[in-house]
Amino acid sequence: MAITLKSLRLLSQNLSVLYVEDDNILRDQTQKVFQNLFKHVDTAENGRDGLSQYKQYYKSTGKYYDILISDIQMPFLDGIELTRLIFTINAEQKVVIISAHDDKKYLIDLIEIGVDGFMEKPISSEKILPVLYKICDSCEGSDTIIIEGNFSYKFSTSTLFQNNIKVELTENESKLLSL
């Protein structure tokens, strides 16, 4: 199956992301792309702010971000150390690291600490689509889609909800929705 923005959007539309990048222009541009893919996107300008944002999000929502996307080289706290600290808070956190070409030397460290994906800058759709698709597909909320605002469909259980209340479906309706 070819991975398209549409297929990625089906998996990502209910997920939350924290994007940590110290380059203001790149962060702003990429945030706009992420806002078209994900339900909720927060950004931070360095690792220290990213860690603070991560903790604040949990405090205010009672849940962790679905995905952390971080640059490696940043002031105050680099992406590797940020990831290590976040894994002490939430060992199940999905993490994607974005790095400049000369940062490949960090790849072994990243694999050893358990990151889920790695992308080289400059970011392109050819690089980002397969990485994000794989990560989103493994996230808990990724098999639910929103249909016309107040309806949602969960593929894993073949269940339709209206305003979070289960809707009873006929066999044929279930088959249609699973398509």
Protein backbone atom coordinates (compact mmCIF):
# COMPACT_ATOMS: atom_id res chain seq x y z
CA MET A 1 0.00 0.00 0.00
CA ALA A 2 1.31 3.44 -0.92
CA ILE A 3 1.38 5.76 2.05
CA THR A 4 -0.44 8.99 1.31
CA LEU A 5 -1.29 12.04 3.36
CA LYS A 6 -4.89 10.83 3.37
CA SER A 7 -3.97 7.39 4.78
CA LEU A 8 -1.71 9.02 7.38
CA ARG A 9 -4.46 11.46 8.33
CA LEU A 10 -6.85 8.57 9.04
CA LEU A 11 -4.37 7.28 11.64
CA SER A 12 -3.20 10.61 13.03
CA GLN A 13 -6.36 12.72 13.30
CA ASN A 14 -7.03 11.85 16.94
CA LEU A 15 -3.43 11.99 18.17
CA SER A 16 -1.50 14.64 20.07
CA VAL A 17 2.07 15.73 19.32
CA LEU A 18 4.79 17.69 21.07
CA TYR A 19 7.25 19.05 18.51
CA VAL A 20 10.56 20.33 19.92
CA GLU A 21 12.76 22.34 17.54
CA ASP A 22 15.08 25.27 18.21
CA ASP A 23 14.95 26.72 14.67
CA ASN A 24 12.02 29.17 14.83
CA ILE A 25 11.28 29.19 11.10
CA LEU A 26 11.43 25.40 10.73
CA ARG A 27 9.35 24.93 13.90
CA ASP A 28 6.63 27.31 12.67
CA GLN A 29 6.49 25.79 9.18
CA THR A 30 6.44 22.20 10.43
CA GLN A 31 3.86 23.02 13.09
CA LYS A 32 1.46 24.13 10.33
CA VAL A 33 1.92 20.79 8.56
CA PHE A 34 1.43 18.87 11.81
CA GLN A 35 -1.74 20.83 12.61
CA ASN A 36 -3.27 19.45 9.41
CA LEU A 37 -2.42 15.90 10.47
CA PHE A 38 -2.92 15.75 14.23
CA LYS A 39 -5.72 16.66 16.60
CA HIS A 40 -3.45 18.58 18.96
CA VAL A 41 0.04 20.02 18.37
CA ASP A 42 2.19 21.83 20.91
CA THR A 43 5.68 23.13 20.26
CA ALA A 44 8.73 23.95 22.33
CA GLU A 45 11.90 25.80 21.34
CA ASN A 46 14.42 23.68 23.22
CA GLY A 47 14.72 20.53 25.30
CA ARG A 48 14.21 22.25 28.64
CA ASP A 49 11.00 23.89 27.43
CA GLY A 50 9.96 20.61 25.83
CA LEU A 51 10.28 18.75 29.13
CA SER A 52 8.31 21.46 30.92
CA GLN A 53 5.60 21.40 28.21
CA TYR A 54 5.45 17.58 28.43
CA LYS A 55 4.86 17.68 32.19
CA GLN A 56 2.34 20.54 31.92
CA TYR A 57 0.32 18.70 29.26
CA TYR A 58 0.01 15.68 31.54
CA LYS A 59 -0.93 17.87 34.49
CA SER A 60 -3.68 19.62 32.52
CA THR A 61 -5.05 16.63 30.54
CA GLY A 62 -4.23 13.57 32.65
CA LYS A 63 -2.57 11.90 29.66
CA TYR A 64 0.72 12.02 27.81
CA TYR A 65 1.28 13.17 24.25
CA ASP A 66 0.83 10.36 21.78
CA ILE A 67 4.04 11.31 19.96
CA LEU A 68 7.13 13.35 20.80
CA ILE A 69 9.03 14.69 17.77
CA SER A 70 12.34 16.33 18.64
CA ASP A 71 15.46 17.75 17.09
CA ILE A 72 18.75 16.41 18.49
CA GLN A 73 20.95 19.48 18.83
CA MET A 74 19.24 22.15 20.92
CA PRO A 75 20.27 24.55 23.67
CA PHE A 76 19.84 23.75 27.37
CA LEU A 77 18.87 20.09 26.85
CA ASP A 78 19.53 18.11 23.68
CA GLY A 79 17.05 15.71 22.10
CA ILE A 80 18.79 12.59 23.40
CA GLU A 81 18.77 13.77 27.00
CA LEU A 82 15.18 15.03 26.62
CA THR A 83 14.16 11.59 25.38
CA ARG A 84 15.94 9.86 28.27
CA LEU A 85 14.17 12.09 30.80
CA ILE A 86 10.78 11.59 29.17
CA PHE A 87 11.30 7.82 29.17
CA THR A 88 11.79 8.02 32.97
CA ILE A 89 8.34 9.67 33.13
CA ASN A 90 6.64 7.51 30.49
CA ALA A 91 8.55 4.46 29.24
CA GLU A 92 5.89 3.85 26.55
CA GLN A 93 6.27 7.26 24.89
CA LYS A 94 6.48 7.18 21.07
CA VAL A 95 9.49 9.27 19.98
CA VAL A 96 10.70 10.45 16.59
CA ILE A 97 14.06 12.22 16.36
CA ILE A 98 14.86 14.68 13.59
CA SER A 99 18.50 15.34 12.90
CA ALA A 100 20.87 17.17 10.58
CA HIS A 101 23.00 15.04 8.24
CA ASP A 102 26.06 15.26 10.48
CA ASP A 103 24.22 13.88 13.52
CA LYS A 104 24.22 10.23 12.39
CA LYS A 105 26.79 9.50 15.08
CA TYR A 106 23.93 9.76 17.60
CA LEU A 107 21.92 7.03 15.89
CA ILE A 108 23.33 4.20 18.04
CA ASP A 109 22.48 6.10 21.25
CA LEU A 110 18.97 6.72 19.98
CA ILE A 111 18.42 3.06 19.09
CA GLU A 112 19.75 1.98 22.49
CA ILE A 113 17.38 4.24 24.42
CA GLY A 114 14.43 3.07 22.32
CA VAL A 115 13.28 5.82 19.95
CA ASP A 116 10.65 4.75 17.45
CA GLY A 117 11.79 6.69 14.41
CA PHE A 118 14.58 8.80 12.98
CA MET A 119 14.47 11.38 10.16
CA GLU A 120 17.18 13.45 8.57
CA LYS A 121 16.82 17.14 7.82
CA PRO A 122 15.72 18.60 5.56
CA ILE A 123 12.33 17.03 6.17
CA SER A 124 10.43 15.98 3.07
CA SER A 125 7.16 14.15 2.55
CA GLU A 126 9.10 11.13 1.23
CA LYS A 127 10.96 10.90 4.54
CA ILE A 128 8.24 11.86 6.96
CA LEU A 129 5.23 9.90 5.64
CA PRO A 130 6.54 6.35 6.26
CA VAL A 131 8.01 7.25 9.67
CA LEU A 132 4.87 8.99 10.92
CA TYR A 133 2.60 6.31 9.44
CA LYS A 134 4.44 3.57 11.33
CA ILE A 135 4.39 5.52 14.60
CA CYS A 136 0.74 6.58 14.27
CA ASP A 137 -0.29 3.04 13.38
CA SER A 138 1.19 1.82 16.65
CA CYS A 139 -0.55 4.48 18.79
CA GLU A 140 -3.57 3.45 20.84
CA GLY A 141 -6.02 6.02 19.44
CA SER A 142 -5.00 5.60 15.82
CA ASP A 143 -7.72 3.16 14.81
CA THR A 144 -10.55 5.59 15.47
CA ILE A 145 -11.79 8.07 12.89
CA ILE A 146 -14.13 11.01 13.32
CA ILE A 147 -17.13 11.10 10.98
CA GLU A 148 -18.99 14.39 10.63
CA GLY A 149 -18.09 15.82 14.01
CA ASN A 150 -20.17 13.87 16.53
CA PHE A 151 -19.69 10.36 15.09
CA SER A 152 -16.59 8.21 15.50
CA TYR A 153 -15.74 4.72 14.30
CA LYS A 154 -13.25 2.38 16.01
CA PHE A 155 -11.86 -0.13 13.51
CA SER A 156 -10.41 -2.59 16.04
CA THR A 157 -13.84 -3.23 17.56
CA SER A 158 -15.98 -2.32 14.51
CA THR A 159 -17.96 0.05 16.70
CA LEU A 160 -19.70 3.29 15.75
CA PHE A 161 -20.24 5.96 18.40
CA GLN A 162 -22.42 9.06 18.38
CA ASN A 163 -21.39 11.56 21.04
CA ASN A 164 -19.35 8.72 22.65
CA ILE A 165 -22.44 6.49 22.90
CA LYS A 166 -22.32 3.18 21.05
CA VAL A 167 -24.63 2.92 18.04
CA GLU A 168 -26.05 -0.52 17.28
CA LEU A 169 -25.34 -1.52 13.68
CA THR A 170 -26.75 -4.15 11.40
CA GLU A 171 -24.32 -6.67 9.91
CA ASN A 172 -24.38 -4.85 6.57
CA GLU A 173 -23.79 -1.46 8.19
CA SER A 174 -20.77 -2.89 10.02
CA LYS A 175 -19.38 -4.27 6.79
CA LEU A 176 -19.87 -0.95 5.03
CA LEU A 177 -18.13 1.04 7.75
CA SER A 178 -15.20 -1.37 7.96
CA LEU A 179 -14.52 -0.67 4.28
